[in-house]
Amino acid sequence: MGDLLLGALALMLVFEGLLPFFSPRRWREIFLRATQMTDGQIRFIGLTSMLIGLSLLLLFGG
């Protein structure tokens, strides 16, 4: 189980690094826009992201 979690973390870091690597200017714009969001908006995005991830795990994770 630990190897699976470590692999998932590694894959997440690879995906998280794609935008700043290939388009740092666009990443900076997105980051600046995120700093102007309210806490509620950021929480909603986080909740939505978690629910989509959980759904994908349940559908395709076995």
C-alpha atoms as a PDB file:
ATOM      1  CA  MET A   1       0.000   0.000   0.000  1.00  0.00           C
ATOM      2  CA  GLY A   2       2.856   2.391   0.781  1.00  0.00           C
ATOM      3  CA  ASP A   3       4.373   1.881  -2.670  1.00  0.00           C
ATOM      4  CA  LEU A   4       1.039   2.709  -4.270  1.00  0.00           C
ATOM      5  CA  LEU A   5       0.677   5.931  -2.273  1.00  0.00           C
ATOM      6  CA  LEU A   6       4.250   6.938  -3.043  1.00  0.00           C
ATOM      7  CA  GLY A   7       3.657   6.284  -6.735  1.00  0.00           C
ATOM      8  CA  ALA A   8       0.456   8.336  -6.655  1.00  0.00           C
ATOM      9  CA  LEU A   9       2.281  11.215  -4.948  1.00  0.00           C
ATOM     10  CA  ALA A  10       5.091  11.054  -7.494  1.00  0.00           C
ATOM     11  CA  LEU A  11       2.619  11.118 -10.389  1.00  0.00           C
ATOM     12  CA  MET A  12       0.769  14.065  -8.845  1.00  0.00           C
ATOM     13  CA  LEU A  13       4.046  15.994  -8.565  1.00  0.00           C
ATOM     14  CA  VAL A  14       4.862  15.275 -12.225  1.00  0.00           C
ATOM     15  CA  PHE A  15       1.464  16.605 -13.334  1.00  0.00           C
ATOM     16  CA  GLU A  16       1.705  19.613 -11.016  1.00  0.00           C
ATOM     17  CA  GLY A  17       5.084  20.489 -12.517  1.00  0.00           C
ATOM     18  CA  LEU A  18       4.013  20.389 -16.167  1.00  0.00           C
ATOM     19  CA  LEU A  19       2.404  23.832 -16.401  1.00  0.00           C
ATOM     20  CA  PRO A  20       5.165  25.795 -14.615  1.00  0.00           C
ATOM     21  CA  PHE A  21       7.790  23.970 -16.688  1.00  0.00           C
ATOM     22  CA  PHE A  22       6.201  24.437 -20.098  1.00  0.00           C
ATOM     23  CA  SER A  23       4.440  27.778 -19.547  1.00  0.00           C
ATOM     24  CA  PRO A  24       5.763  29.699 -16.540  1.00  0.00           C
ATOM     25  CA  ARG A  25       4.061  32.944 -17.596  1.00  0.00           C
ATOM     26  CA  ARG A  26       0.637  31.277 -17.774  1.00  0.00           C
ATOM     27  CA  TRP A  27       1.263  29.510 -14.445  1.00  0.00           C
ATOM     28  CA  ARG A  28       2.104  32.869 -12.835  1.00  0.00           C
ATOM     29  CA  GLU A  29      -1.134  34.397 -14.189  1.00  0.00           C
ATOM     30  CA  ILE A  30      -3.172  31.499 -12.807  1.00  0.00           C
ATOM     31  CA  PHE A  31      -1.394  31.738  -9.456  1.00  0.00           C
ATOM     32  CA  LEU A  32      -2.044  35.486  -9.220  1.00  0.00           C
ATOM     33  CA  ARG A  33      -5.705  34.945 -10.060  1.00  0.00           C
ATOM     34  CA  ALA A  34      -5.916  32.282  -7.337  1.00  0.00           C
ATOM     35  CA  THR A  35      -4.540  34.717  -4.741  1.00  0.00           C
ATOM     36  CA  GLN A  36      -7.481  37.018  -5.480  1.00  0.00           C
ATOM     37  CA  MET A  37     -10.102  34.316  -4.802  1.00  0.00           C
ATOM     38  CA  THR A  38     -12.025  34.145  -1.558  1.00  0.00           C
ATOM     39  CA  ASP A  39     -11.464  31.292   0.888  1.00  0.00           C
ATOM     40  CA  GLY A  40     -14.853  29.858  -0.044  1.00  0.00           C
ATOM     41  CA  GLN A  41     -13.968  29.745  -3.747  1.00  0.00           C
ATOM     42  CA  ILE A  42     -10.665  28.022  -3.024  1.00  0.00           C
ATOM     43  CA  ARG A  43     -12.378  25.498  -0.724  1.00  0.00           C
ATOM     44  CA  PHE A  44     -14.974  24.765  -3.416  1.00  0.00           C
ATOM     45  CA  ILE A  45     -12.231  24.110  -5.978  1.00  0.00           C
ATOM     46  CA  GLY A  46     -10.426  21.866  -3.489  1.00  0.00           C
ATOM     47  CA  LEU A  47     -13.603  19.940  -2.660  1.00  0.00           C
ATOM     48  CA  THR A  48     -14.456  19.518  -6.336  1.00  0.00           C
ATOM     49  CA  SER A  49     -10.941  18.289  -7.080  1.00  0.00           C
ATOM     50  CA  MET A  50     -11.066  15.777  -4.227  1.00  0.00           C
ATOM     51  CA  LEU A  51     -14.487  14.467  -5.285  1.00  0.00           C
ATOM     52  CA  ILE A  52     -13.380  14.031  -8.904  1.00  0.00           C
ATOM     53  CA  GLY A  53     -10.211  12.244  -7.764  1.00  0.00           C
ATOM     54  CA  LEU A  54     -12.149   9.987  -5.413  1.00  0.00           C
ATOM     55  CA  SER A  55     -14.663   9.195  -8.149  1.00  0.00           C
ATOM     56  CA  LEU A  56     -11.876   8.276 -10.569  1.00  0.00           C
ATOM     57  CA  LEU A  57     -10.264   6.055  -7.941  1.00  0.00           C
ATOM     58  CA  LEU A  58     -13.552   4.273  -7.291  1.00  0.00           C
ATOM     59  CA  LEU A  59     -14.265   3.823 -11.005  1.00  0.00           C
ATOM     60  CA  PHE A  60     -10.818   2.787 -12.221  1.00  0.00           C
ATOM     61  CA  GLY A  61      -8.922   1.856  -9.063  1.00  0.00           C
ATOM     62  CA  GLY A  62     -10.340  -1.585  -8.741  1.00  0.00           C
END
